[in-house]
């Protein structure tokens, strides 16, 4: 069992989630139940799956939850690109978020490889 609050991947994904909430607060109100909701739910999913997986008794189980977290990260990347296409987010902010997300994906993947 891992102490998730001490994991850098959990800390960074939690900070990323806050960034998603901040950026989506600027999206149009009519997107409240659309892409805004989707982005927020997927961003919450990353640190949540890391935390839940850390409670599992086997590394194999934990690895599966990390895999789900990575899937949520790719979902977010797609949604951010769509939000950019729709002009809800500017290119500069998009690049910052994507870079942060890619870093989180790399960290999770690297950590996951140590569990095998």
PDB file of N, CA and C in Angstrom:
ATOM      1  N   UNK A   1       0.845  -1.177   0.000  1.00  0.00           N
ATOM      2  CA  UNK A   1       0.000   0.000   0.000  1.00  0.00           C
ATOM      3  C   UNK A   1       0.897   1.250   0.000  1.00  0.00           C
ATOM      4  N   UNK A   2       0.530   2.196  -0.844  1.00  0.00           N
ATOM      5  CA  UNK A   2       1.296   3.422  -0.986  1.00  0.00           C
ATOM      6  C   UNK A   2       0.567   4.574  -0.304  1.00  0.00           C
ATOM      7  N   UNK A   3       1.323   5.515   0.176  1.00  0.00           N
ATOM      8  CA  UNK A   3       0.739   6.719   0.768  1.00  0.00           C
ATOM      9  C   UNK A   3       0.575   7.739  -0.351  1.00  0.00           C
ATOM     10  N   UNK A   4      -0.639   7.804  -0.903  1.00  0.00           N
ATOM     11  CA  UNK A   4      -0.866   8.592  -2.111  1.00  0.00           C
ATOM     12  C   UNK A   4      -0.555  10.075  -1.933  1.00  0.00           C
ATOM     13  N   UNK A   5      -0.760  10.613  -0.739  1.00  0.00           N
ATOM     14  CA  UNK A   5      -0.509  12.042  -0.518  1.00  0.00           C
ATOM     15  C   UNK A   5       0.964  12.401  -0.646  1.00  0.00           C
ATOM     16  N   UNK A   6       1.823  11.394  -0.574  1.00  0.00           N
ATOM     17  CA  UNK A   6       3.261  11.625  -0.716  1.00  0.00           C
ATOM     18  C   UNK A   6       3.746  11.439  -2.158  1.00  0.00           C
ATOM     19  N   UNK A   7       2.877  10.945  -3.021  1.00  0.00           N
ATOM     20  CA  UNK A   7       3.269  10.686  -4.404  1.00  0.00           C
ATOM     21  C   UNK A   7       3.244  11.974  -5.219  1.00  0.00           C
ATOM     22  N   UNK A   8       4.335  12.262  -5.878  1.00  0.00           N
ATOM     23  CA  UNK A   8       4.425  13.471  -6.703  1.00  0.00           C
ATOM     24  C   UNK A   8       3.397  13.443  -7.840  1.00  0.00           C
ATOM     25  N   UNK A   9       3.115  12.261  -8.367  1.00  0.00           N
ATOM     26  CA  UNK A   9       2.122  12.168  -9.447  1.00  0.00           C
ATOM     27  C   UNK A   9       0.742  12.581  -8.956  1.00  0.00           C
ATOM     28  N   UNK A  10       0.426  12.257  -7.720  1.00  0.00           N
ATOM     29  CA  UNK A  10      -0.864  12.655  -7.150  1.00  0.00           C
ATOM     30  C   UNK A  10      -0.894  14.170  -6.928  1.00  0.00           C
ATOM     31  N   UNK A  11       0.195  14.712  -6.382  1.00  0.00           N
ATOM     32  CA  UNK A  11       0.259  16.153  -6.122  1.00  0.00           C
ATOM     33  C   UNK A  11       0.120  16.956  -7.412  1.00  0.00           C
ATOM     34  N   UNK A  12       0.865  16.556  -8.440  1.00  0.00           N
ATOM     35  CA  UNK A  12       0.816  17.305  -9.699  1.00  0.00           C
ATOM     36  C   UNK A  12      -0.523  17.147 -10.407  1.00  0.00           C
ATOM     37  N   UNK A  13      -1.106  15.969 -10.338  1.00  0.00           N
ATOM     38  CA  UNK A  13      -2.401  15.782 -10.996  1.00  0.00           C
ATOM     39  C   UNK A  13      -3.496  16.553 -10.259  1.00  0.00           C
ATOM     40  N   UNK A  14      -3.349  16.709  -8.973  1.00  0.00           N
ATOM     41  CA  UNK A  14      -4.296  17.516  -8.193  1.00  0.00           C
ATOM     42  C   UNK A  14      -4.178  18.989  -8.570  1.00  0.00           C
ATOM     43  N   UNK A  15      -2.959  19.472  -8.726  1.00  0.00           N
ATOM     44  CA  UNK A  15      -2.747  20.863  -9.167  1.00  0.00           C
ATOM     45  C   UNK A  15      -3.298  21.069 -10.574  1.00  0.00           C
ATOM     46  N   UNK A  16      -3.096  20.064 -11.430  1.00  0.00           N
ATOM     47  CA  UNK A  16      -3.615  20.146 -12.790  1.00  0.00           C
ATOM     48  C   UNK A  16      -5.137  20.240 -12.781  1.00  0.00           C
ATOM     49  N   UNK A  17      -5.769  19.486 -11.910  1.00  0.00           N
ATOM     50  CA  UNK A  17      -7.221  19.518 -11.778  1.00  0.00           C
ATOM     51  C   UNK A  17      -7.688  20.938 -11.437  1.00  0.00           C
ATOM     52  N   UNK A  18      -6.990  21.591 -10.543  1.00  0.00           N
ATOM     53  CA  UNK A  18      -7.322  22.977 -10.189  1.00  0.00           C
ATOM     54  C   UNK A  18      -7.204  23.878 -11.412  1.00  0.00           C
ATOM     55  N   UNK A  19      -6.176  23.678 -12.214  1.00  0.00           N
ATOM     56  CA  UNK A  19      -5.993  24.476 -13.441  1.00  0.00           C
ATOM     57  C   UNK A  19      -7.158  24.274 -14.401  1.00  0.00           C
ATOM     58  N   UNK A  20      -7.625  23.040 -14.508  1.00  0.00           N
ATOM     59  CA  UNK A  20      -8.765  22.747 -15.390  1.00  0.00           C
ATOM     60  C   UNK A  20     -10.018  23.465 -14.894  1.00  0.00           C
ATOM     61  N   UNK A  21     -10.240  23.448 -13.603  1.00  0.00           N
ATOM     62  CA  UNK A  21     -11.406  24.158 -13.054  1.00  0.00           C
ATOM     63  C   UNK A  21     -11.306  25.654 -13.331  1.00  0.00           C
ATOM     64  N   UNK A  22     -10.114  26.202 -13.198  1.00  0.00           N
ATOM     65  CA  UNK A  22      -9.929  27.635 -13.447  1.00  0.00           C
ATOM     66  C   UNK A  22     -10.179  27.995 -14.909  1.00  0.00           C
ATOM     67  N   UNK A  23      -9.643  27.207 -15.826  1.00  0.00           N
ATOM     68  CA  UNK A  23      -9.800  27.523 -17.243  1.00  0.00           C
ATOM     69  C   UNK A  23     -11.235  27.298 -17.706  1.00  0.00           C
ATOM     70  N   UNK A  24     -11.883  26.260 -17.197  1.00  0.00           N
ATOM     71  CA  UNK A  24     -13.257  25.994 -17.631  1.00  0.00           C
ATOM     72  C   UNK A  24     -14.260  26.981 -17.031  1.00  0.00           C
ATOM     73  N   UNK A  25     -13.866  27.665 -15.978  1.00  0.00           N
ATOM     74  CA  UNK A  25     -14.740  28.709 -15.406  1.00  0.00           C
ATOM     75  C   UNK A  25     -14.948  29.841 -16.404  1.00  0.00           C
ATOM     76  N   UNK A  26     -14.046  29.938 -17.380  1.00  0.00           N
ATOM     77  CA  UNK A  26     -14.121  30.985 -18.403  1.00  0.00           C
ATOM     78  C   UNK A  26     -14.853  30.535 -19.664  1.00  0.00           C
ATOM     79  N   UNK A  27     -15.236  29.271 -19.719  1.00  0.00           N
ATOM     80  CA  UNK A  27     -15.966  28.749 -20.880  1.00  0.00           C
ATOM     81  C   UNK A  27     -17.381  29.330 -20.895  1.00  0.00           C
ATOM     82  N   UNK A  28     -18.026  29.318 -22.053  1.00  0.00           N
ATOM     83  CA  UNK A  28     -19.403  29.826 -22.129  1.00  0.00           C
ATOM     84  C   UNK A  28     -20.345  29.062 -21.185  1.00  0.00           C
ATOM     85  N   UNK A  29     -21.320  29.783 -20.637  1.00  0.00           N
ATOM     86  CA  UNK A  29     -22.267  29.170 -19.705  1.00  0.00           C
ATOM     87  C   UNK A  29     -23.045  28.019 -20.328  1.00  0.00           C
ATOM     88  N   UNK A  30     -23.305  28.090 -21.626  1.00  0.00           N
ATOM     89  CA  UNK A  30     -24.078  27.017 -22.255  1.00  0.00           C
ATOM     90  C   UNK A  30     -23.270  25.720 -22.383  1.00  0.00           C
ATOM     91  N   UNK A  31     -22.000  25.758 -22.021  1.00  0.00           N
ATOM     92  CA  UNK A  31     -21.159  24.559 -22.026  1.00  0.00           C
ATOM     93  C   UNK A  31     -21.034  23.950 -20.627  1.00  0.00           C
ATOM     94  N   UNK A  32     -21.782  24.473 -19.680  1.00  0.00           N
ATOM     95  CA  UNK A  32     -21.707  23.999 -18.300  1.00  0.00           C
ATOM     96  C   UNK A  32     -21.908  22.487 -18.201  1.00  0.00           C
ATOM     97  N   UNK A  33     -22.852  21.954 -18.979  1.00  0.00           N
ATOM     98  CA  UNK A  33     -23.136  20.524 -18.929  1.00  0.00           C
ATOM     99  C   UNK A  33     -22.515  19.784 -20.116  1.00  0.00           C
ATOM    100  N   UNK A  34     -21.705  20.468 -20.867  1.00  0.00           N
ATOM    101  CA  UNK A  34     -21.034  19.877 -22.016  1.00  0.00           C
ATOM    102  C   UNK A  34     -19.565  19.646 -21.719  1.00  0.00           C
ATOM    103  N   UNK A  35     -18.733  20.308 -22.483  1.00  0.00           N
ATOM    104  CA  UNK A  35     -17.282  20.082 -22.383  1.00  0.00           C
ATOM    105  C   UNK A  35     -16.710  20.521 -21.041  1.00  0.00           C
ATOM    106  N   UNK A  36     -17.312  21.527 -20.418  1.00  0.00           N
ATOM    107  CA  UNK A  36     -16.847  21.950 -19.095  1.00  0.00           C
ATOM    108  C   UNK A  36     -16.969  20.796 -18.102  1.00  0.00           C
ATOM    109  N   UNK A  37     -18.130  20.187 -18.069  1.00  0.00           N
ATOM    110  CA  UNK A  37     -18.374  19.067 -17.169  1.00  0.00           C
ATOM    111  C   UNK A  37     -17.453  17.894 -17.490  1.00  0.00           C
ATOM    112  N   UNK A  38     -17.298  17.599 -18.765  1.00  0.00           N
ATOM    113  CA  UNK A  38     -16.442  16.478 -19.184  1.00  0.00           C
ATOM    114  C   UNK A  38     -14.995  16.695 -18.749  1.00  0.00           C
ATOM    115  N   UNK A  39     -14.480  17.898 -18.982  1.00  0.00           N
ATOM    116  CA  UNK A  39     -13.098  18.204 -18.598  1.00  0.00           C
ATOM    117  C   UNK A  39     -12.907  18.112 -17.088  1.00  0.00           C
ATOM    118  N   UNK A  40     -13.843  18.645 -16.351  1.00  0.00           N
ATOM    119  CA  UNK A  40     -13.720  18.621 -14.900  1.00  0.00           C
ATOM    120  C   UNK A  40     -13.775  17.200 -14.353  1.00  0.00           C
ATOM    121  N   UNK A  41     -14.704  16.413 -14.843  1.00  0.00           N
ATOM    122  CA  UNK A  41     -14.820  15.031 -14.363  1.00  0.00           C
ATOM    123  C   UNK A  41     -13.561  14.223 -14.689  1.00  0.00           C
ATOM    124  N   UNK A  42     -13.053  14.385 -15.895  1.00  0.00           N
ATOM    125  CA  UNK A  42     -11.852  13.641 -16.282  1.00  0.00           C
ATOM    126  C   UNK A  42     -10.631  14.097 -15.484  1.00  0.00           C
ATOM    127  N   UNK A  43     -10.557  15.396 -15.202  1.00  0.00           N
ATOM    128  CA  UNK A  43      -9.407  15.886 -14.436  1.00  0.00           C
ATOM    129  C   UNK A  43      -9.453  15.412 -12.985  1.00  0.00           C
ATOM    130  N   UNK A  44     -10.635  15.314 -12.422  1.00  0.00           N
ATOM    131  CA  UNK A  44     -10.795  14.787 -11.063  1.00  0.00           C
ATOM    132  C   UNK A  44     -10.447  13.297 -11.034  1.00  0.00           C
ATOM    133  N   UNK A  45     -10.696  12.624 -12.136  1.00  0.00           N
ATOM    134  CA  UNK A  45     -10.456  11.189 -12.232  1.00  0.00           C
ATOM    135  C   UNK A  45      -8.981  10.824 -12.076  1.00  0.00           C
ATOM    136  N   UNK A  46      -8.087  11.681 -12.532  1.00  0.00           N
ATOM    137  CA  UNK A  46      -6.657  11.337 -12.471  1.00  0.00           C
ATOM    138  C   UNK A  46      -6.177  11.179 -11.027  1.00  0.00           C
ATOM    139  N   UNK A  47      -6.229  12.224 -10.185  1.00  0.00           N
ATOM    140  CA  UNK A  47      -5.756  12.028  -8.808  1.00  0.00           C
ATOM    141  C   UNK A  47      -6.624  11.041  -8.024  1.00  0.00           C
ATOM    142  N   UNK A  48      -7.904  10.968  -8.364  1.00  0.00           N
ATOM    143  CA  UNK A  48      -8.792  10.034  -7.660  1.00  0.00           C
ATOM    144  C   UNK A  48      -8.395   8.588  -7.916  1.00  0.00           C
ATOM    145  N   UNK A  49      -8.066   8.257  -9.161  1.00  0.00           N
ATOM    146  CA  UNK A  49      -7.642   6.886  -9.473  1.00  0.00           C
ATOM    147  C   UNK A  49      -6.280   6.567  -8.879  1.00  0.00           C
ATOM    148  N   UNK A  50      -5.416   7.551  -8.808  1.00  0.00           N
ATOM    149  CA  UNK A  50      -4.118   7.334  -8.154  1.00  0.00           C
ATOM    150  C   UNK A  50      -4.344   7.019  -6.675  1.00  0.00           C
ATOM    151  N   UNK A  51      -5.206   7.809  -6.037  1.00  0.00           N
ATOM    152  CA  UNK A  51      -5.497   7.587  -4.611  1.00  0.00           C
ATOM    153  C   UNK A  51      -6.156   6.233  -4.384  1.00  0.00           C
ATOM    154  N   UNK A  52      -7.167   5.924  -5.191  1.00  0.00           N
ATOM    155  CA  UNK A  52      -7.875   4.658  -5.014  1.00  0.00           C
ATOM    156  C   UNK A  52      -6.948   3.469  -5.272  1.00  0.00           C
ATOM    157  N   UNK A  53      -6.153   3.572  -6.323  1.00  0.00           N
ATOM    158  CA  UNK A  53      -5.232   2.485  -6.638  1.00  0.00           C
ATOM    159  C   UNK A  53      -4.191   2.264  -5.552  1.00  0.00           C
ATOM    160  N   UNK A  54      -3.787   3.341  -4.896  1.00  0.00           N
ATOM    161  CA  UNK A  54      -2.765   3.204  -3.852  1.00  0.00           C
ATOM    162  C   UNK A  54      -3.261   2.394  -2.660  1.00  0.00           C
ATOM    163  N   UNK A  55      -4.570   2.277  -2.521  1.00  0.00           N
ATOM    164  CA  UNK A  55      -5.128   1.520  -1.398  1.00  0.00           C
ATOM    165  C   UNK A  55      -5.192   0.024  -1.673  1.00  0.00           C
ATOM    166  N   UNK A  56      -4.923  -0.366  -2.895  1.00  0.00           N
ATOM    167  CA  UNK A  56      -5.022  -1.781  -3.271  1.00  0.00           C
ATOM    168  C   UNK A  56      -3.868  -2.582  -2.688  1.00  0.00           C
ATOM    169  N   UNK A  57      -4.120  -3.848  -2.499  1.00  0.00           N
ATOM    170  CA  UNK A  57      -3.127  -4.711  -1.856  1.00  0.00           C
ATOM    171  C   UNK A  57      -2.060  -5.230  -2.802  1.00  0.00           C
ATOM    172  N   UNK A  58      -2.272  -5.089  -4.100  1.00  0.00           N
ATOM    173  CA  UNK A  58      -1.266  -5.596  -5.031  1.00  0.00           C
ATOM    174  C   UNK A  58      -0.834  -4.502  -6.010  1.00  0.00           C
ATOM    175  N   UNK A  59       0.391  -4.626  -6.452  1.00  0.00           N
ATOM    176  CA  UNK A  59       0.899  -3.688  -7.447  1.00  0.00           C
ATOM    177  C   UNK A  59       0.145  -3.821  -8.763  1.00  0.00           C
ATOM    178  N   UNK A  60      -0.313  -5.033  -9.056  1.00  0.00           N
ATOM    179  CA  UNK A  60      -1.078  -5.257 -10.284  1.00  0.00           C
ATOM    180  C   UNK A  60      -2.372  -4.440 -10.252  1.00  0.00           C
ATOM    181  N   UNK A  61      -3.056  -4.440  -9.131  1.00  0.00           N
ATOM    182  CA  UNK A  61      -4.278  -3.645  -8.999  1.00  0.00           C
ATOM    183  C   UNK A  61      -3.977  -2.149  -9.098  1.00  0.00           C
ATOM    184  N   UNK A  62      -2.930  -1.723  -8.402  1.00  0.00           N
ATOM    185  CA  UNK A  62      -2.546  -0.311  -8.440  1.00  0.00           C
ATOM    186  C   UNK A  62      -2.215   0.096  -9.869  1.00  0.00           C
ATOM    187  N   UNK A  63      -1.497  -0.748 -10.572  1.00  0.00           N
ATOM    188  CA  UNK A  63      -1.123  -0.473 -11.957  1.00  0.00           C
ATOM    189  C   UNK A  63      -2.353  -0.278 -12.834  1.00  0.00           C
ATOM    190  N   UNK A  64      -3.383  -1.046 -12.590  1.00  0.00           N
ATOM    191  CA  UNK A  64      -4.632  -0.914 -13.361  1.00  0.00           C
ATOM    192  C   UNK A  64      -5.277   0.452 -13.134  1.00  0.00           C
ATOM    193  N   UNK A  65      -5.280   0.931 -11.908  1.00  0.00           N
ATOM    194  CA  UNK A  65      -5.836   2.252 -11.625  1.00  0.00           C
ATOM    195  C   UNK A  65      -4.986   3.360 -12.257  1.00  0.00           C
ATOM    196  N   UNK A  66      -3.682   3.153 -12.303  1.00  0.00           N
ATOM    197  CA  UNK A  66      -2.806   4.125 -12.971  1.00  0.00           C
ATOM    198  C   UNK A  66      -3.084   4.144 -14.472  1.00  0.00           C
ATOM    199  N   UNK A  67      -3.383   2.982 -15.030  1.00  0.00           N
ATOM    200  CA  UNK A  67      -3.744   2.892 -16.448  1.00  0.00           C
ATOM    201  C   UNK A  67      -5.022   3.683 -16.719  1.00  0.00           C
ATOM    202  N   UNK A  68      -5.975   3.581 -15.822  1.00  0.00           N
ATOM    203  CA  UNK A  68      -7.226   4.345 -15.960  1.00  0.00           C
ATOM    204  C   UNK A  68      -6.936   5.848 -15.878  1.00  0.00           C
ATOM    205  N   UNK A  69      -6.041   6.244 -14.970  1.00  0.00           N
ATOM    206  CA  UNK A  69      -5.665   7.651 -14.841  1.00  0.00           C
ATOM    207  C   UNK A  69      -5.041   8.167 -16.143  1.00  0.00           C
ATOM    208  N   UNK A  70      -4.216   7.358 -16.771  1.00  0.00           N
ATOM    209  CA  UNK A  70      -3.606   7.746 -18.050  1.00  0.00           C
ATOM    210  C   UNK A  70      -4.696   7.891 -19.115  1.00  0.00           C
ATOM    211  N   UNK A  71      -5.653   6.991 -19.116  1.00  0.00           N
ATOM    212  CA  UNK A  71      -6.770   7.096 -20.060  1.00  0.00           C
ATOM    213  C   UNK A  71      -7.527   8.405 -19.877  1.00  0.00           C
ATOM    214  N   UNK A  72      -7.744   8.794 -18.649  1.00  0.00           N
ATOM    215  CA  UNK A  72      -8.409  10.080 -18.369  1.00  0.00           C
ATOM    216  C   UNK A  72      -7.572  11.247 -18.877  1.00  0.00           C
ATOM    217  N   UNK A  73      -6.264  11.131 -18.755  1.00  0.00           N
ATOM    218  CA  UNK A  73      -5.376  12.197 -19.241  1.00  0.00           C
ATOM    219  C   UNK A  73      -5.502  12.363 -20.757  1.00  0.00           C
ATOM    220  N   UNK A  74      -5.562  11.255 -21.485  1.00  0.00           N
ATOM    221  CA  UNK A  74      -5.723  11.350 -22.939  1.00  0.00           C
ATOM    222  C   UNK A  74      -7.098  11.875 -23.320  1.00  0.00           C
ATOM    223  N   UNK A  75      -8.086  11.536 -22.512  1.00  0.00           N
ATOM    224  CA  UNK A  75      -9.428  12.087 -22.717  1.00  0.00           C
ATOM    225  C   UNK A  75      -9.390  13.617 -22.561  1.00  0.00           C
ATOM    226  N   UNK A  76      -8.696  14.081 -21.539  1.00  0.00           N
ATOM    227  CA  UNK A  76      -8.567  15.526 -21.306  1.00  0.00           C
ATOM    228  C   UNK A  76      -7.851  16.197 -22.468  1.00  0.00           C
ATOM    229  N   UNK A  77      -6.788  15.582 -22.958  1.00  0.00           N
ATOM    230  CA  UNK A  77      -6.056  16.179 -24.080  1.00  0.00           C
ATOM    231  C   UNK A  77      -6.980  16.383 -25.276  1.00  0.00           C
ATOM    232  N   UNK A  78      -7.769  15.378 -25.586  1.00  0.00           N
ATOM    233  CA  UNK A  78      -8.717  15.481 -26.697  1.00  0.00           C
ATOM    234  C   UNK A  78      -9.717  16.604 -26.455  1.00  0.00           C
ATOM    235  N   UNK A  79     -10.247  16.664 -25.265  1.00  0.00           N
ATOM    236  CA  UNK A  79     -11.239  17.682 -24.934  1.00  0.00           C
ATOM    237  C   UNK A  79     -10.641  19.090 -24.963  1.00  0.00           C
ATOM    238  N   UNK A  80      -9.407  19.222 -24.530  1.00  0.00           N
ATOM    239  CA  UNK A  80      -8.743  20.529 -24.604  1.00  0.00           C
ATOM    240  C   UNK A  80      -8.549  20.964 -26.052  1.00  0.00           C
ATOM    241  N   UNK A  81      -8.194  20.035 -26.905  1.00  0.00           N
ATOM    242  CA  UNK A  81      -8.029  20.365 -28.323  1.00  0.00           C
ATOM    243  C   UNK A  81      -9.362  20.790 -28.944  1.00  0.00           C
ATOM    244  N   UNK A  82     -10.428  20.107 -28.575  1.00  0.00           N
ATOM    245  CA  UNK A  82     -11.754  20.496 -29.059  1.00  0.00           C
ATOM    246  C   UNK A  82     -12.125  21.877 -28.530  1.00  0.00           C
ATOM    247  N   UNK A  83     -11.848  22.117 -27.250  1.00  0.00           N
ATOM    248  CA  UNK A  83     -12.135  23.430 -26.666  1.00  0.00           C
ATOM    249  C   UNK A  83     -11.356  24.525 -27.393  1.00  0.00           C
ATOM    250  N   UNK A  84     -10.144  24.217 -27.796  1.00  0.00           N
ATOM    251  CA  UNK A  84      -9.343  25.170 -28.565  1.00  0.00           C
ATOM    252  C   UNK A  84      -9.960  25.398 -29.939  1.00  0.00           C
ATOM    253  N   UNK A  85     -10.379  24.321 -30.587  1.00  0.00           N
ATOM    254  CA  UNK A  85     -11.042  24.437 -31.893  1.00  0.00           C
ATOM    255  C   UNK A  85     -12.267  25.340 -31.811  1.00  0.00           C
ATOM    256  N   UNK A  86     -12.967  25.264 -30.692  1.00  0.00           N
ATOM    257  CA  UNK A  86     -14.182  26.054 -30.485  1.00  0.00           C
ATOM    258  C   UNK A  86     -13.883  27.465 -29.961  1.00  0.00           C
ATOM    259  N   UNK A  87     -12.585  27.773 -29.826  1.00  0.00           N
ATOM    260  CA  UNK A  87     -12.121  29.089 -29.355  1.00  0.00           C
ATOM    261  C   UNK A  87     -12.498  29.364 -27.893  1.00  0.00           C
ATOM    262  N   UNK A  88     -12.634  28.311 -27.090  1.00  0.00           N
ATOM    263  CA  UNK A  88     -12.913  28.477 -25.669  1.00  0.00           C
ATOM    264  C   UNK A  88     -11.629  28.701 -24.883  1.00  0.00           C
ATOM    265  N   UNK A  89     -10.491  28.358 -25.508  1.00  0.00           N
ATOM    266  CA  UNK A  89      -9.204  28.444 -24.841  1.00  0.00           C
ATOM    267  C   UNK A  89      -8.171  28.919 -25.852  1.00  0.00           C
ATOM    268  N   UNK A  90      -7.282  29.822 -25.428  1.00  0.00           N
ATOM    269  CA  UNK A  90      -6.287  30.338 -26.366  1.00  0.00           C
ATOM    270  C   UNK A  90      -5.107  29.372 -26.499  1.00  0.00           C
ATOM    271  N   UNK A  91      -4.342  29.567 -27.546  1.00  0.00           N
ATOM    272  CA  UNK A  91      -3.242  28.661 -27.880  1.00  0.00           C
ATOM    273  C   UNK A  91      -2.196  28.597 -26.769  1.00  0.00           C
ATOM    274  N   UNK A  92      -1.892  29.725 -26.168  1.00  0.00           N
ATOM    275  CA  UNK A  92      -0.880  29.760 -25.109  1.00  0.00           C
ATOM    276  C   UNK A  92      -1.303  28.918 -23.902  1.00  0.00           C
ATOM    277  N   UNK A  93      -2.533  29.101 -23.459  1.00  0.00           N
ATOM    278  CA  UNK A  93      -3.038  28.334 -22.318  1.00  0.00           C
ATOM    279  C   UNK A  93      -3.144  26.851 -22.671  1.00  0.00           C
ATOM    280  N   UNK A  94      -3.569  26.575 -23.902  1.00  0.00           N
ATOM    281  CA  UNK A  94      -3.652  25.192 -24.365  1.00  0.00           C
ATOM    282  C   UNK A  94      -2.288  24.510 -24.269  1.00  0.00           C
ATOM    283  N   UNK A  95      -1.260  25.169 -24.757  1.00  0.00           N
ATOM    284  CA  UNK A  95       0.086  24.593 -24.735  1.00  0.00           C
ATOM    285  C   UNK A  95       0.565  24.342 -23.313  1.00  0.00           C
ATOM    286  N   UNK A  96       0.287  25.275 -22.404  1.00  0.00           N
ATOM    287  CA  UNK A  96       0.687  25.089 -21.008  1.00  0.00           C
ATOM    288  C   UNK A  96      -0.002  23.871 -20.396  1.00  0.00           C
ATOM    289  N   UNK A  97      -1.296  23.763 -20.644  1.00  0.00           N
ATOM    290  CA  UNK A  97      -2.048  22.636 -20.091  1.00  0.00           C
ATOM    291  C   UNK A  97      -1.616  21.303 -20.695  1.00  0.00           C
ATOM    292  N   UNK A  98      -1.409  21.292 -22.000  1.00  0.00           N
ATOM    293  CA  UNK A  98      -0.975  20.053 -22.670  1.00  0.00           C
ATOM    294  C   UNK A  98       0.406  19.637 -22.171  1.00  0.00           C
ATOM    295  N   UNK A  99       1.319  20.593 -22.030  1.00  0.00           N
ATOM    296  CA  UNK A  99       2.664  20.271 -21.519  1.00  0.00           C
ATOM    297  C   UNK A  99       2.594  19.699 -20.108  1.00  0.00           C
ATOM    298  N   UNK A 100       1.775  20.305 -19.272  1.00  0.00           N
ATOM    299  CA  UNK A 100       1.597  19.810 -17.910  1.00  0.00           C
ATOM    300  C   UNK A 100       1.008  18.402 -17.924  1.00  0.00           C
ATOM    301  N   UNK A 101       0.026  18.203 -18.770  1.00  0.00           N
ATOM    302  CA  UNK A 101      -0.621  16.901 -18.888  1.00  0.00           C
ATOM    303  C   UNK A 101       0.365  15.843 -19.391  1.00  0.00           C
ATOM    304  N   UNK A 102       1.162  16.181 -20.380  1.00  0.00           N
ATOM    305  CA  UNK A 102       2.157  15.235 -20.894  1.00  0.00           C
ATOM    306  C   UNK A 102       3.168  14.854 -19.817  1.00  0.00           C
ATOM    307  N   UNK A 103       3.536  15.823 -18.994  1.00  0.00           N
ATOM    308  CA  UNK A 103       4.453  15.537 -17.890  1.00  0.00           C
ATOM    309  C   UNK A 103       3.821  14.567 -16.893  1.00  0.00           C
ATOM    310  N   UNK A 104       2.559  14.780 -16.590  1.00  0.00           N
ATOM    311  CA  UNK A 104       1.851  13.883 -15.672  1.00  0.00           C
ATOM    312  C   UNK A 104       1.766  12.477 -16.252  1.00  0.00           C
ATOM    313  N   UNK A 105       1.452  12.375 -17.536  1.00  0.00           N
ATOM    314  CA  UNK A 105       1.381  11.065 -18.200  1.00  0.00           C
ATOM    315  C   UNK A 105       2.725  10.345 -18.114  1.00  0.00           C
ATOM    316  N   UNK A 106       3.804  11.061 -18.382  1.00  0.00           N
ATOM    317  CA  UNK A 106       5.144  10.459 -18.309  1.00  0.00           C
ATOM    318  C   UNK A 106       5.453   9.979 -16.898  1.00  0.00           C
ATOM    319  N   UNK A 107       5.108  10.804 -15.914  1.00  0.00           N
ATOM    320  CA  UNK A 107       5.375  10.433 -14.523  1.00  0.00           C
ATOM    321  C   UNK A 107       4.576   9.197 -14.114  1.00  0.00           C
ATOM    322  N   UNK A 108       3.312   9.160 -14.487  1.00  0.00           N
ATOM    323  CA  UNK A 108       2.471   8.010 -14.152  1.00  0.00           C
ATOM    324  C   UNK A 108       3.002   6.758 -14.850  1.00  0.00           C
ATOM    325  N   UNK A 109       3.350   6.892 -16.127  1.00  0.00           N
ATOM    326  CA  UNK A 109       3.875   5.734 -16.880  1.00  0.00           C
ATOM    327  C   UNK A 109       5.151   5.209 -16.268  1.00  0.00           C
ATOM    328  N   UNK A 110       6.037   6.114 -15.891  1.00  0.00           N
ATOM    329  CA  UNK A 110       7.310   5.700 -15.296  1.00  0.00           C
ATOM    330  C   UNK A 110       7.068   5.022 -13.952  1.00  0.00           C
ATOM    331  N   UNK A 111       6.205   5.615 -13.141  1.00  0.00           N
ATOM    332  CA  UNK A 111       5.889   5.021 -11.843  1.00  0.00           C
ATOM    333  C   UNK A 111       5.240   3.650 -12.024  1.00  0.00           C
ATOM    334  N   UNK A 112       4.338   3.573 -12.979  1.00  0.00           N
ATOM    335  CA  UNK A 112       3.647   2.315 -13.252  1.00  0.00           C
ATOM    336  C   UNK A 112       4.635   1.223 -13.646  1.00  0.00           C
ATOM    337  N   UNK A 113       5.663   1.581 -14.401  1.00  0.00           N
ATOM    338  CA  UNK A 113       6.654   0.570 -14.819  1.00  0.00           C
ATOM    339  C   UNK A 113       7.455   0.030 -13.636  1.00  0.00           C
ATOM    340  N   UNK A 114       7.528   0.781 -12.546  1.00  0.00           N
ATOM    341  CA  UNK A 114       8.252   0.290 -11.370  1.00  0.00           C
ATOM    342  C   UNK A 114       7.423  -0.697 -10.558  1.00  0.00           C
ATOM    343  N   UNK A 115       6.135  -0.745 -10.828  1.00  0.00           N
ATOM    344  CA  UNK A 115       5.254  -1.636 -10.062  1.00  0.00           C
ATOM    345  C   UNK A 115       5.235  -3.050 -10.602  1.00  0.00           C
ATOM    346  N   UNK A 116       5.754  -3.257 -11.806  1.00  0.00           N
ATOM    347  CA  UNK A 116       5.683  -4.584 -12.432  1.00  0.00           C
ATOM    348  C   UNK A 116       6.744  -5.526 -11.927  1.00  0.00           C
TER     349      UNK A 116
END
